[in-house]
Amino acid sequence: MFGLSPFELAVIGVIAVVLFGGNLPEVARKFGSTYSQFRRSLQDVQQQFRQVQDEASRAVSMDTPPSNSYDDEDEEPNEPSAPKFTPPE
């Protein structure tokens, strides 16, 4: 769990009991509520960034006209500038 061995988790648990004693359940509840508020605010910020990104991509797609490779049907496509390969005989 979290990359910690069982021994390390036990040491952290003992330290928590020594530091907080009988207040440990209350401290854990406060930590849990603070963590959930942090996650909600982080999700709100991510959602705002996604909305801005979507609006920007829509604005860019509306600014650029649809690309037609040839405006005039009579024009031939440009020939490539490199010579064609002819294999040796």
PDB file of N, CA and C in Angstrom:
ATOM      1  N   MET A   1       0.843  -1.175   0.000  1.00  0.00           N
ATOM      2  CA  MET A   1       0.000   0.000   0.000  1.00  0.00           C
ATOM      3  C   MET A   1       0.891   1.242   0.000  1.00  0.00           C
ATOM      4  N   PHE A   2       0.711   2.110  -0.997  1.00  0.00           N
ATOM      5  CA  PHE A   2       1.459   3.358  -1.157  1.00  0.00           C
ATOM      6  C   PHE A   2       2.961   3.128  -1.232  1.00  0.00           C
ATOM      7  N   GLY A   3       3.399   1.929  -1.557  1.00  0.00           N
ATOM      8  CA  GLY A   3       4.819   1.640  -1.659  1.00  0.00           C
ATOM      9  C   GLY A   3       5.484   1.491  -0.296  1.00  0.00           C
ATOM     10  N   LEU A   4       4.701   1.296   0.747  1.00  0.00           N
ATOM     11  CA  LEU A   4       5.251   1.136   2.095  1.00  0.00           C
ATOM     12  C   LEU A   4       5.106  -0.313   2.541  1.00  0.00           C
ATOM     13  N   SER A   5       6.100  -0.773   3.265  1.00  0.00           N
ATOM     14  CA  SER A   5       6.037  -2.136   3.786  1.00  0.00           C
ATOM     15  C   SER A   5       5.149  -2.158   5.036  1.00  0.00           C
ATOM     16  N   PRO A   6       4.708  -3.324   5.453  1.00  0.00           N
ATOM     17  CA  PRO A   6       3.886  -3.411   6.665  1.00  0.00           C
ATOM     18  C   PRO A   6       4.606  -2.856   7.898  1.00  0.00           C
ATOM     19  N   PHE A   7       5.906  -3.061   7.979  1.00  0.00           N
ATOM     20  CA  PHE A   7       6.666  -2.541   9.120  1.00  0.00           C
ATOM     21  C   PHE A   7       6.630  -1.013   9.146  1.00  0.00           C
ATOM     22  N   GLU A   8       6.807  -0.386   7.981  1.00  0.00           N
ATOM     23  CA  GLU A   8       6.775   1.071   7.916  1.00  0.00           C
ATOM     24  C   GLU A   8       5.399   1.609   8.294  1.00  0.00           C
ATOM     25  N   LEU A   9       4.332   0.920   7.844  1.00  0.00           N
ATOM     26  CA  LEU A   9       2.984   1.333   8.220  1.00  0.00           C
ATOM     27  C   LEU A   9       2.765   1.209   9.725  1.00  0.00           C
ATOM     28  N   ALA A  10       3.308   0.161  10.340  1.00  0.00           N
ATOM     29  CA  ALA A  10       3.177  -0.016  11.785  1.00  0.00           C
ATOM     30  C   ALA A  10       3.904   1.095  12.536  1.00  0.00           C
ATOM     31  N   VAL A  11       5.086   1.477  12.068  1.00  0.00           N
ATOM     32  CA  VAL A  11       5.836   2.559  12.707  1.00  0.00           C
ATOM     33  C   VAL A  11       5.056   3.865  12.606  1.00  0.00           C
ATOM     34  N   ILE A  12       4.472   4.139  11.448  1.00  0.00           N
ATOM     35  CA  ILE A  12       3.678   5.356  11.276  1.00  0.00           C
ATOM     36  C   ILE A  12       2.461   5.322  12.205  1.00  0.00           C
ATOM     37  N   GLY A  13       1.832   4.167  12.339  1.00  0.00           N
ATOM     38  CA  GLY A  13       0.684   4.025  13.239  1.00  0.00           C
ATOM     39  C   GLY A  13       1.066   4.274  14.692  1.00  0.00           C
ATOM     40  N   VAL A  14       2.205   3.735  15.129  1.00  0.00           N
ATOM     41  CA  VAL A  14       2.656   3.940  16.510  1.00  0.00           C
ATOM     42  C   VAL A  14       2.949   5.415  16.752  1.00  0.00           C
ATOM     43  N   ILE A  15       3.601   6.061  15.803  1.00  0.00           N
ATOM     44  CA  ILE A  15       3.909   7.488  15.953  1.00  0.00           C
ATOM     45  C   ILE A  15       2.619   8.303  16.032  1.00  0.00           C
ATOM     46  N   ALA A  16       1.615   7.946  15.215  1.00  0.00           N
ATOM     47  CA  ALA A  16       0.339   8.656  15.243  1.00  0.00           C
ATOM     48  C   ALA A  16      -0.344   8.495  16.595  1.00  0.00           C
ATOM     49  N   VAL A  17      -0.316   7.299  17.168  1.00  0.00           N
ATOM     50  CA  VAL A  17      -0.938   7.064  18.478  1.00  0.00           C
ATOM     51  C   VAL A  17      -0.208   7.846  19.553  1.00  0.00           C
ATOM     52  N   VAL A  18       1.116   7.872  19.497  1.00  0.00           N
ATOM     53  CA  VAL A  18       1.892   8.610  20.492  1.00  0.00           C
ATOM     54  C   VAL A  18       1.609  10.107  20.388  1.00  0.00           C
ATOM     55  N   LEU A  19       1.555  10.640  19.179  1.00  0.00           N
ATOM     56  CA  LEU A  19       1.353  12.077  19.003  1.00  0.00           C
ATOM     57  C   LEU A  19      -0.069  12.512  19.339  1.00  0.00           C
ATOM     58  N   PHE A  20      -1.082  11.772  18.876  1.00  0.00           N
ATOM     59  CA  PHE A  20      -2.460  12.232  18.995  1.00  0.00           C
ATOM     60  C   PHE A  20      -3.253  11.512  20.077  1.00  0.00           C
ATOM     61  N   GLY A  21      -2.834  10.339  20.482  1.00  0.00           N
ATOM     62  CA  GLY A  21      -3.480   9.615  21.566  1.00  0.00           C
ATOM     63  C   GLY A  21      -4.970   9.421  21.358  1.00  0.00           C
ATOM     64  N   GLY A  22      -5.775   9.914  22.295  1.00  0.00           N
ATOM     65  CA  GLY A  22      -7.226   9.736  22.251  1.00  0.00           C
ATOM     66  C   GLY A  22      -7.893  10.594  21.193  1.00  0.00           C
ATOM     67  N   ASN A  23      -7.204  11.594  20.686  1.00  0.00           N
ATOM     68  CA  ASN A  23      -7.782  12.465  19.667  1.00  0.00           C
ATOM     69  C   ASN A  23      -7.580  11.924  18.258  1.00  0.00           C
ATOM     70  N   LEU A  24      -7.006  10.749  18.132  1.00  0.00           N
ATOM     71  CA  LEU A  24      -6.689  10.200  16.817  1.00  0.00           C
ATOM     72  C   LEU A  24      -7.917  10.070  15.909  1.00  0.00           C
ATOM     73  N   PRO A  25      -9.074   9.581  16.372  1.00  0.00           N
ATOM     74  CA  PRO A  25     -10.240   9.503  15.474  1.00  0.00           C
ATOM     75  C   PRO A  25     -10.685  10.879  14.968  1.00  0.00           C
ATOM     76  N   GLU A  26     -10.665  11.869  15.851  1.00  0.00           N
ATOM     77  CA  GLU A  26     -11.052  13.219  15.441  1.00  0.00           C
ATOM     78  C   GLU A  26     -10.061  13.797  14.435  1.00  0.00           C
ATOM     79  N   VAL A  27      -8.783  13.578  14.645  1.00  0.00           N
ATOM     80  CA  VAL A  27      -7.756  14.054  13.718  1.00  0.00           C
ATOM     81  C   VAL A  27      -7.912  13.362  12.368  1.00  0.00           C
ATOM     82  N   ALA A  28      -8.204  12.073  12.376  1.00  0.00           N
ATOM     83  CA  ALA A  28      -8.378  11.325  11.127  1.00  0.00           C
ATOM     84  C   ALA A  28      -9.598  11.845  10.367  1.00  0.00           C
ATOM     85  N   ARG A  29     -10.696  12.154  11.077  1.00  0.00           N
ATOM     86  CA  ARG A  29     -11.885  12.708  10.429  1.00  0.00           C
ATOM     87  C   ARG A  29     -11.582  14.062   9.797  1.00  0.00           C
ATOM     88  N   LYS A  30     -10.880  14.921  10.535  1.00  0.00           N
ATOM     89  CA  LYS A  30     -10.530  16.237   9.997  1.00  0.00           C
ATOM     90  C   LYS A  30      -9.623  16.101   8.774  1.00  0.00           C
ATOM     91  N   PHE A  31      -8.672  15.187   8.853  1.00  0.00           N
ATOM     92  CA  PHE A  31      -7.785  14.966   7.714  1.00  0.00           C
ATOM     93  C   PHE A  31      -8.571  14.464   6.509  1.00  0.00           C
ATOM     94  N   GLY A  32      -9.496  13.548   6.740  1.00  0.00           N
ATOM     95  CA  GLY A  32     -10.317  13.015   5.646  1.00  0.00           C
ATOM     96  C   GLY A  32     -11.185  14.081   5.004  1.00  0.00           C
ATOM     97  N   SER A  33     -11.797  14.929   5.821  1.00  0.00           N
ATOM     98  CA  SER A  33     -12.639  15.986   5.249  1.00  0.00           C
ATOM     99  C   SER A  33     -11.798  17.015   4.506  1.00  0.00           C
ATOM    100  N   THR A  34     -10.639  17.348   5.039  1.00  0.00           N
ATOM    101  CA  THR A  34      -9.748  18.294   4.352  1.00  0.00           C
ATOM    102  C   THR A  34      -9.275  17.713   3.029  1.00  0.00           C
ATOM    103  N   TYR A  35      -8.948  16.438   3.029  1.00  0.00           N
ATOM    104  CA  TYR A  35      -8.496  15.777   1.802  1.00  0.00           C
ATOM    105  C   TYR A  35      -9.604  15.752   0.756  1.00  0.00           C
ATOM    106  N   SER A  36     -10.845  15.466   1.174  1.00  0.00           N
ATOM    107  CA  SER A  36     -11.949  15.427   0.211  1.00  0.00           C
ATOM    108  C   SER A  36     -12.233  16.828  -0.342  1.00  0.00           C
ATOM    109  N   GLN A  37     -12.136  17.870   0.482  1.00  0.00           N
ATOM    110  CA  GLN A  37     -12.300  19.239  -0.017  1.00  0.00           C
ATOM    111  C   GLN A  37     -11.209  19.585  -1.019  1.00  0.00           C
ATOM    112  N   PHE A  38      -9.997  19.164  -0.731  1.00  0.00           N
ATOM    113  CA  PHE A  38      -8.882  19.403  -1.652  1.00  0.00           C
ATOM    114  C   PHE A  38      -9.132  18.725  -2.991  1.00  0.00           C
ATOM    115  N   ARG A  39      -9.604  17.481  -2.955  1.00  0.00           N
ATOM    116  CA  ARG A  39      -9.887  16.749  -4.198  1.00  0.00           C
ATOM    117  C   ARG A  39     -10.999  17.430  -4.997  1.00  0.00           C
ATOM    118  N   ARG A  40     -12.056  17.894  -4.318  1.00  0.00           N
ATOM    119  CA  ARG A  40     -13.142  18.584  -5.010  1.00  0.00           C
ATOM    120  C   ARG A  40     -12.651  19.868  -5.668  1.00  0.00           C
ATOM    121  N   SER A  41     -11.838  20.639  -4.951  1.00  0.00           N
ATOM    122  CA  SER A  41     -11.335  21.885  -5.532  1.00  0.00           C
ATOM    123  C   SER A  41     -10.391  21.597  -6.692  1.00  0.00           C
ATOM    124  N   LEU A  42      -9.615  20.548  -6.588  1.00  0.00           N
ATOM    125  CA  LEU A  42      -8.724  20.162  -7.683  1.00  0.00           C
ATOM    126  C   LEU A  42      -9.530  19.746  -8.909  1.00  0.00           C
ATOM    127  N   GLN A  43     -10.606  19.010  -8.717  1.00  0.00           N
ATOM    128  CA  GLN A  43     -11.469  18.622  -9.831  1.00  0.00           C
ATOM    129  C   GLN A  43     -12.134  19.837 -10.465  1.00  0.00           C
ATOM    130  N   ASP A  44     -12.523  20.815  -9.648  1.00  0.00           N
ATOM    131  CA  ASP A  44     -13.119  22.044 -10.181  1.00  0.00           C
ATOM    132  C   ASP A  44     -12.127  22.797 -11.064  1.00  0.00           C
ATOM    133  N   VAL A  45     -10.888  22.888 -10.603  1.00  0.00           N
ATOM    134  CA  VAL A  45      -9.851  23.576 -11.386  1.00  0.00           C
ATOM    135  C   VAL A  45      -9.607  22.828 -12.695  1.00  0.00           C
ATOM    136  N   GLN A  46      -9.529  21.496 -12.639  1.00  0.00           N
ATOM    137  CA  GLN A  46      -9.329  20.708 -13.854  1.00  0.00           C
ATOM    138  C   GLN A  46     -10.491  20.893 -14.819  1.00  0.00           C
ATOM    139  N   GLN A  47     -11.719  20.954 -14.302  1.00  0.00           N
ATOM    140  CA  GLN A  47     -12.885  21.140 -15.149  1.00  0.00           C
ATOM    141  C   GLN A  47     -12.844  22.514 -15.815  1.00  0.00           C
ATOM    142  N   GLN A  48     -12.422  23.541 -15.091  1.00  0.00           N
ATOM    143  CA  GLN A  48     -12.309  24.871 -15.672  1.00  0.00           C
ATOM    144  C   GLN A  48     -11.278  24.892 -16.790  1.00  0.00           C
ATOM    145  N   PHE A  49     -10.141  24.228 -16.577  1.00  0.00           N
ATOM    146  CA  PHE A  49      -9.118  24.163 -17.621  1.00  0.00           C
ATOM    147  C   PHE A  49      -9.651  23.439 -18.858  1.00  0.00           C
ATOM    148  N   ARG A  50     -10.384  22.358 -18.660  1.00  0.00           N
ATOM    149  CA  ARG A  50     -10.954  21.626 -19.800  1.00  0.00           C
ATOM    150  C   ARG A  50     -11.949  22.490 -20.568  1.00  0.00           C
ATOM    151  N   GLN A  51     -12.776  23.256 -19.842  1.00  0.00           N
ATOM    152  CA  GLN A  51     -13.736  24.131 -20.503  1.00  0.00           C
ATOM    153  C   GLN A  51     -13.031  25.187 -21.337  1.00  0.00           C
ATOM    154  N   VAL A  52     -11.980  25.788 -20.776  1.00  0.00           N
ATOM    155  CA  VAL A  52     -11.228  26.808 -21.509  1.00  0.00           C
ATOM    156  C   VAL A  52     -10.569  26.183 -22.730  1.00  0.00           C
ATOM    157  N   GLN A  53     -10.032  24.988 -22.577  1.00  0.00           N
ATOM    158  CA  GLN A  53      -9.391  24.311 -23.696  1.00  0.00           C
ATOM    159  C   GLN A  53     -10.412  23.994 -24.791  1.00  0.00           C
ATOM    160  N   ASP A  54     -11.590  23.531 -24.416  1.00  0.00           N
ATOM    161  CA  ASP A  54     -12.639  23.242 -25.398  1.00  0.00           C
ATOM    162  C   ASP A  54     -13.079  24.512 -26.120  1.00  0.00           C
ATOM    163  N   GLU A  55     -13.254  25.601 -25.363  1.00  0.00           N
ATOM    164  CA  GLU A  55     -13.651  26.868 -25.978  1.00  0.00           C
ATOM    165  C   GLU A  55     -12.580  27.356 -26.956  1.00  0.00           C
ATOM    166  N   ALA A  56     -11.314  27.218 -26.560  1.00  0.00           N
ATOM    167  CA  ALA A  56     -10.224  27.658 -27.438  1.00  0.00           C
ATOM    168  C   ALA A  56     -10.166  26.809 -28.700  1.00  0.00           C
ATOM    169  N   SER A  57     -10.354  25.506 -28.573  1.00  0.00           N
ATOM    170  CA  SER A  57     -10.305  24.652 -29.763  1.00  0.00           C
ATOM    171  C   SER A  57     -11.490  24.930 -30.681  1.00  0.00           C
ATOM    172  N   ARG A  58     -12.669  25.226 -30.100  1.00  0.00           N
ATOM    173  CA  ARG A  58     -13.821  25.597 -30.928  1.00  0.00           C
ATOM    174  C   ARG A  58     -13.578  26.917 -31.646  1.00  0.00           C
ATOM    175  N   ALA A  59     -12.974  27.870 -30.950  1.00  0.00           N
ATOM    176  CA  ALA A  59     -12.697  29.173 -31.559  1.00  0.00           C
ATOM    177  C   ALA A  59     -11.696  29.033 -32.696  1.00  0.00           C
ATOM    178  N   VAL A  60     -10.691  28.207 -32.506  1.00  0.00           N
ATOM    179  CA  VAL A  60      -9.688  27.997 -33.555  1.00  0.00           C
ATOM    180  C   VAL A  60     -10.322  27.294 -34.740  1.00  0.00           C
ATOM    181  N   SER A  61     -11.156  26.304 -34.491  1.00  0.00           N
ATOM    182  CA  SER A  61     -11.774  25.581 -35.603  1.00  0.00           C
ATOM    183  C   SER A  61     -12.768  26.470 -36.352  1.00  0.00           C
ATOM    184  N   MET A  62     -13.359  27.441 -35.697  1.00  0.00           N
ATOM    185  CA  MET A  62     -14.283  28.353 -36.372  1.00  0.00           C
ATOM    186  C   MET A  62     -13.517  29.405 -37.174  1.00  0.00           C
ATOM    187  N   ASP A  63     -12.306  29.780 -36.725  1.00  0.00           N
ATOM    188  CA  ASP A  63     -11.517  30.796 -37.417  1.00  0.00           C
ATOM    189  C   ASP A  63     -10.911  30.274 -38.708  1.00  0.00           C
ATOM    190  N   THR A  64     -10.551  29.013 -38.750  1.00  0.00           N
ATOM    191  CA  THR A  64      -9.920  28.462 -39.938  1.00  0.00           C
ATOM    192  C   THR A  64     -10.988  27.938 -40.880  1.00  0.00           C
ATOM    193  N   PRO A  65     -10.973  28.363 -42.127  1.00  0.00           N
ATOM    194  CA  PRO A  65     -11.964  27.870 -43.078  1.00  0.00           C
ATOM    195  C   PRO A  65     -11.694  26.411 -43.409  1.00  0.00           C
ATOM    196  N   PRO A  66     -12.703  25.684 -43.844  1.00  0.00           N
ATOM    197  CA  PRO A  66     -12.468  24.287 -44.216  1.00  0.00           C
ATOM    198  C   PRO A  66     -11.462  24.235 -45.353  1.00  0.00           C
ATOM    199  N   SER A  67     -10.540  23.316 -45.244  1.00  0.00           N
ATOM    200  CA  SER A  67      -9.458  23.274 -46.226  1.00  0.00           C
ATOM    201  C   SER A  67      -9.879  22.477 -47.451  1.00  0.00           C
ATOM    202  N   ASN A  68      -9.832  23.132 -48.595  1.00  0.00           N
ATOM    203  CA  ASN A  68     -10.015  22.458 -49.879  1.00  0.00           C
ATOM    204  C   ASN A  68      -8.647  22.410 -50.519  1.00  0.00           C
ATOM    205  N   SER A  69      -8.263  21.254 -50.963  1.00  0.00           N
ATOM    206  CA  SER A  69      -6.923  21.142 -51.523  1.00  0.00           C
ATOM    207  C   SER A  69      -6.803  21.920 -52.822  1.00  0.00           C
ATOM    208  N   TYR A  70      -7.896  22.048 -53.569  1.00  0.00           N
ATOM    209  CA  TYR A  70      -7.868  22.784 -54.837  1.00  0.00           C
ATOM    210  C   TYR A  70      -9.097  23.682 -54.899  1.00  0.00           C
ATOM    211  N   ASP A  71      -8.850  24.976 -55.006  1.00  0.00           N
ATOM    212  CA  ASP A  71      -9.968  25.910 -55.121  1.00  0.00           C
ATOM    213  C   ASP A  71     -10.566  25.858 -56.522  1.00  0.00           C
ATOM    214  N   ASP A  72      -9.696  25.672 -57.504  1.00  0.00           N
ATOM    215  CA  ASP A  72     -10.158  25.633 -58.885  1.00  0.00           C
ATOM    216  C   ASP A  72      -9.983  24.206 -59.393  1.00  0.00           C
ATOM    217  N   GLU A  73     -11.021  23.638 -59.944  1.00  0.00           N
ATOM    218  CA  GLU A  73     -10.953  22.238 -60.361  1.00  0.00           C
ATOM    219  C   GLU A  73     -10.071  22.038 -61.581  1.00  0.00           C
ATOM    220  N   ASP A  74      -9.827  23.087 -62.361  1.00  0.00           N
ATOM    221  CA  ASP A  74      -9.029  22.960 -63.574  1.00  0.00           C
ATOM    222  C   ASP A  74      -7.539  22.859 -63.278  1.00  0.00           C
ATOM    223  N   GLU A  75      -7.112  23.328 -62.128  1.00  0.00           N
ATOM    224  CA  GLU A  75      -5.685  23.318 -61.819  1.00  0.00           C
ATOM    225  C   GLU A  75      -5.210  21.907 -61.510  1.00  0.00           C
ATOM    226  N   GLU A  76      -4.023  21.602 -61.976  1.00  0.00           N
ATOM    227  CA  GLU A  76      -3.405  20.313 -61.685  1.00  0.00           C
ATOM    228  C   GLU A  76      -2.611  20.447 -60.391  1.00  0.00           C
ATOM    229  N   PRO A  77      -2.475  19.377 -59.639  1.00  0.00           N
ATOM    230  CA  PRO A  77      -1.635  19.458 -58.432  1.00  0.00           C
ATOM    231  C   PRO A  77      -0.185  19.649 -58.829  1.00  0.00           C
ATOM    232  N   ASN A  78       0.547  20.303 -57.961  1.00  0.00           N
ATOM    233  CA  ASN A  78       1.967  20.532 -58.221  1.00  0.00           C
ATOM    234  C   ASN A  78       2.717  19.209 -58.235  1.00  0.00           C
ATOM    235  N   GLU A  79       3.639  19.106 -59.161  1.00  0.00           N
ATOM    236  CA  GLU A  79       4.482  17.919 -59.227  1.00  0.00           C
ATOM    237  C   GLU A  79       5.505  17.992 -58.101  1.00  0.00           C
ATOM    238  N   PRO A  80       5.930  16.859 -57.587  1.00  0.00           N
ATOM    239  CA  PRO A  80       6.949  16.891 -56.539  1.00  0.00           C
ATOM    240  C   PRO A  80       8.259  17.439 -57.098  1.00  0.00           C
ATOM    241  N   SER A  81       9.011  18.132 -56.247  1.00  0.00           N
ATOM    242  CA  SER A  81      10.237  18.764 -56.712  1.00  0.00           C
ATOM    243  C   SER A  81      11.399  17.765 -56.818  1.00  0.00           C
ATOM    244  N   ALA A  82      11.312  16.644 -56.149  1.00  0.00           N
ATOM    245  CA  ALA A  82      12.386  15.656 -56.216  1.00  0.00           C
ATOM    246  C   ALA A  82      12.205  14.792 -57.464  1.00  0.00           C
ATOM    247  N   PRO A  83      13.302  14.393 -58.091  1.00  0.00           N
ATOM    248  CA  PRO A  83      13.172  13.533 -59.288  1.00  0.00           C
ATOM    249  C   PRO A  83      12.675  12.142 -58.889  1.00  0.00           C
ATOM    250  N   LYS A  84      12.029  11.499 -59.832  1.00  0.00           N
ATOM    251  CA  LYS A  84      11.565  10.139 -59.596  1.00  0.00           C
ATOM    252  C   LYS A  84      12.748   9.188 -59.599  1.00  0.00           C
ATOM    253  N   PHE A  85      12.640   8.155 -58.808  1.00  0.00           N
ATOM    254  CA  PHE A  85      13.706   7.187 -58.697  1.00  0.00           C
ATOM    255  C   PHE A  85      13.603   6.188 -59.844  1.00  0.00           C
ATOM    256  N   THR A  86      14.731   6.008 -60.525  1.00  0.00           N
ATOM    257  CA  THR A  86      14.786   4.957 -61.553  1.00  0.00           C
ATOM    258  C   THR A  86      15.809   3.956 -61.101  1.00  0.00           C
ATOM    259  N   PRO A  87      15.415   2.708 -60.995  1.00  0.00           N
ATOM    260  CA  PRO A  87      16.361   1.688 -60.515  1.00  0.00           C
ATOM    261  C   PRO A  87      17.455   1.415 -61.554  1.00  0.00           C
ATOM    262  N   PRO A  88      18.643   1.082 -61.078  1.00  0.00           N
ATOM    263  CA  PRO A  88      19.742   0.781 -62.013  1.00  0.00           C
ATOM    264  C   PRO A  88      19.464  -0.520 -62.761  1.00  0.00           C
ATOM    265  N   GLU A  89      19.993  -0.598 -63.961  1.00  0.00           N
ATOM    266  CA  GLU A  89      19.787  -1.814 -64.762  1.00  0.00           C
ATOM    267  C   GLU A  89      20.998  -2.707 -64.750  1.00  0.00           C
TER     268      GLU A  89
END
